[in-house]
Amino acid sequence: MPGAAHLDHRDLLDGQRLRPASELAQMMADAGFDGGSPVITHCQGGGRAALAALAAITAGQADVRVYYLSFGDWAADESCPLQ
């Protein structure tokens, strides 16, 4: 997806718990999130996107949205660009 940044859902967790807010914020900054644009989470089918949204909110991102149908829906539409 154009403009997408990747954070693996497994990296958001410390064992079975969400990492601390400061760690998540640093991970998001390192991935290029600046807080000035909406964060739209996605995965293959939507479930892990909810975890990513929780992590983004915990990290202090102000505008967080979930593209629940996610990449499976995007890739199925031939008019949507893939990069």
C-alpha atoms as a PDB file:
ATOM      1  CA  MET A   1       0.000   0.000   0.000  1.00  0.00           C
ATOM      2  CA  PRO A   2       1.442   3.388  -0.913  1.00  0.00           C
ATOM      3  CA  GLY A   3       2.835   5.244   2.087  1.00  0.00           C
ATOM      4  CA  ALA A   4       2.634   2.221   4.360  1.00  0.00           C
ATOM      5  CA  ALA A   5       5.181   1.568   7.086  1.00  0.00           C
ATOM      6  CA  HIS A   6       5.676  -1.876   8.555  1.00  0.00           C
ATOM      7  CA  LEU A   7       5.631  -2.796  12.221  1.00  0.00           C
ATOM      8  CA  ASP A   8       5.295  -6.518  12.860  1.00  0.00           C
ATOM      9  CA  HIS A   9       2.505  -7.248  15.329  1.00  0.00           C
ATOM     10  CA  ARG A  10       4.806  -9.588  17.263  1.00  0.00           C
ATOM     11  CA  ASP A  11       7.157  -6.676  17.974  1.00  0.00           C
ATOM     12  CA  LEU A  12       4.334  -4.762  19.653  1.00  0.00           C
ATOM     13  CA  LEU A  13       4.182  -7.360  22.387  1.00  0.00           C
ATOM     14  CA  ASP A  14       6.482  -8.197  25.261  1.00  0.00           C
ATOM     15  CA  GLY A  15       5.483 -11.792  25.763  1.00  0.00           C
ATOM     16  CA  GLN A  16       1.703 -11.719  26.068  1.00  0.00           C
ATOM     17  CA  ARG A  17       1.467  -8.030  26.999  1.00  0.00           C
ATOM     18  CA  LEU A  18       1.612  -4.824  25.013  1.00  0.00           C
ATOM     19  CA  ARG A  19       4.971  -3.096  25.267  1.00  0.00           C
ATOM     20  CA  PRO A  20       5.146   0.100  27.367  1.00  0.00           C
ATOM     21  CA  ALA A  21       3.939   3.331  25.747  1.00  0.00           C
ATOM     22  CA  SER A  22       7.454   4.796  25.572  1.00  0.00           C
ATOM     23  CA  GLU A  23       8.777   1.762  23.672  1.00  0.00           C
ATOM     24  CA  LEU A  24       5.835   1.778  21.276  1.00  0.00           C
ATOM     25  CA  ALA A  25       6.267   5.506  20.660  1.00  0.00           C
ATOM     26  CA  GLN A  26       9.956   4.989  19.852  1.00  0.00           C
ATOM     27  CA  MET A  27       9.161   2.087  17.526  1.00  0.00           C
ATOM     28  CA  MET A  28       6.617   4.217  15.687  1.00  0.00           C
ATOM     29  CA  ALA A  29       9.013   7.154  15.416  1.00  0.00           C
ATOM     30  CA  ASP A  30      11.732   4.839  14.082  1.00  0.00           C
ATOM     31  CA  ALA A  31       9.268   3.534  11.469  1.00  0.00           C
ATOM     32  CA  GLY A  32       8.548   7.098  10.319  1.00  0.00           C
ATOM     33  CA  PHE A  33       5.311   7.961  12.105  1.00  0.00           C
ATOM     34  CA  ASP A  34       5.395  11.650  12.991  1.00  0.00           C
ATOM     35  CA  GLY A  35       2.026  12.145  14.661  1.00  0.00           C
ATOM     36  CA  GLY A  36       0.925  14.645  12.022  1.00  0.00           C
ATOM     37  CA  SER A  37      -0.917  12.157   9.826  1.00  0.00           C
ATOM     38  CA  PRO A  38      -3.574   9.594  10.629  1.00  0.00           C
ATOM     39  CA  VAL A  39      -2.381   6.102  11.459  1.00  0.00           C
ATOM     40  CA  ILE A  40      -4.411   3.544   9.528  1.00  0.00           C
ATOM     41  CA  THR A  41      -3.641   0.024  10.645  1.00  0.00           C
ATOM     42  CA  HIS A  42      -4.087  -3.009   8.443  1.00  0.00           C
ATOM     43  CA  CYS A  43      -3.029  -6.631   8.178  1.00  0.00           C
ATOM     44  CA  GLN A  44      -4.195  -9.477   5.974  1.00  0.00           C
ATOM     45  CA  GLY A  45      -7.706  -9.788   7.346  1.00  0.00           C
ATOM     46  CA  GLY A  46      -8.210  -7.235  10.135  1.00  0.00           C
ATOM     47  CA  GLY A  47      -7.554  -8.998  13.447  1.00  0.00           C
ATOM     48  CA  ARG A  48      -3.942  -7.934  13.960  1.00  0.00           C
ATOM     49  CA  ALA A  49      -4.873  -4.449  12.759  1.00  0.00           C
ATOM     50  CA  ALA A  50      -6.859  -4.009  15.980  1.00  0.00           C
ATOM     51  CA  LEU A  51      -3.744  -4.824  18.039  1.00  0.00           C
ATOM     52  CA  ALA A  52      -1.733  -2.320  15.993  1.00  0.00           C
ATOM     53  CA  ALA A  53      -4.406   0.342  16.582  1.00  0.00           C
ATOM     54  CA  LEU A  54      -4.272  -0.278  20.329  1.00  0.00           C
ATOM     55  CA  ALA A  55      -0.488   0.041  20.207  1.00  0.00           C
ATOM     56  CA  ALA A  56      -0.700   3.305  18.237  1.00  0.00           C
ATOM     57  CA  ILE A  57      -3.189   4.789  20.705  1.00  0.00           C
ATOM     58  CA  THR A  58      -1.054   3.635  23.634  1.00  0.00           C
ATOM     59  CA  ALA A  59       1.967   5.266  21.952  1.00  0.00           C
ATOM     60  CA  GLY A  60       0.118   8.592  21.888  1.00  0.00           C
ATOM     61  CA  GLN A  61      -0.979   8.775  18.255  1.00  0.00           C
ATOM     62  CA  ALA A  62      -3.983  11.100  18.093  1.00  0.00           C
ATOM     63  CA  ASP A  63      -5.754   9.918  14.926  1.00  0.00           C
ATOM     64  CA  VAL A  64      -5.874   6.123  14.661  1.00  0.00           C
ATOM     65  CA  ARG A  65      -8.117   4.168  12.315  1.00  0.00           C
ATOM     66  CA  VAL A  66      -8.444   0.483  11.430  1.00  0.00           C
ATOM     67  CA  TYR A  67      -8.850  -0.663   7.839  1.00  0.00           C
ATOM     68  CA  TYR A  68     -10.632  -3.789   9.012  1.00  0.00           C
ATOM     69  CA  LEU A  69     -10.903  -5.561   5.643  1.00  0.00           C
ATOM     70  CA  SER A  70      -7.209  -4.831   5.290  1.00  0.00           C
ATOM     71  CA  PHE A  71      -4.756  -5.918   2.651  1.00  0.00           C
ATOM     72  CA  GLY A  72      -6.871  -8.829   1.436  1.00  0.00           C
ATOM     73  CA  ASP A  73      -9.559  -6.357   0.374  1.00  0.00           C
ATOM     74  CA  TRP A  74      -7.071  -3.837  -1.026  1.00  0.00           C
ATOM     75  CA  ALA A  75      -5.207  -6.391  -3.147  1.00  0.00           C
ATOM     76  CA  ALA A  76      -8.452  -7.837  -4.520  1.00  0.00           C
ATOM     77  CA  ASP A  77      -9.309  -4.459  -6.083  1.00  0.00           C
ATOM     78  CA  GLU A  78      -7.271  -4.099  -9.266  1.00  0.00           C
ATOM     79  CA  SER A  79      -7.660  -0.311  -9.160  1.00  0.00           C
ATOM     80  CA  CYS A  80      -5.676  -0.114  -5.885  1.00  0.00           C
ATOM     81  CA  PRO A  81      -1.919   0.369  -6.361  1.00  0.00           C
ATOM     82  CA  LEU A  82       0.578  -2.078  -4.928  1.00  0.00           C
ATOM     83  CA  GLN A  83       4.163  -0.931  -4.416  1.00  0.00           C
END
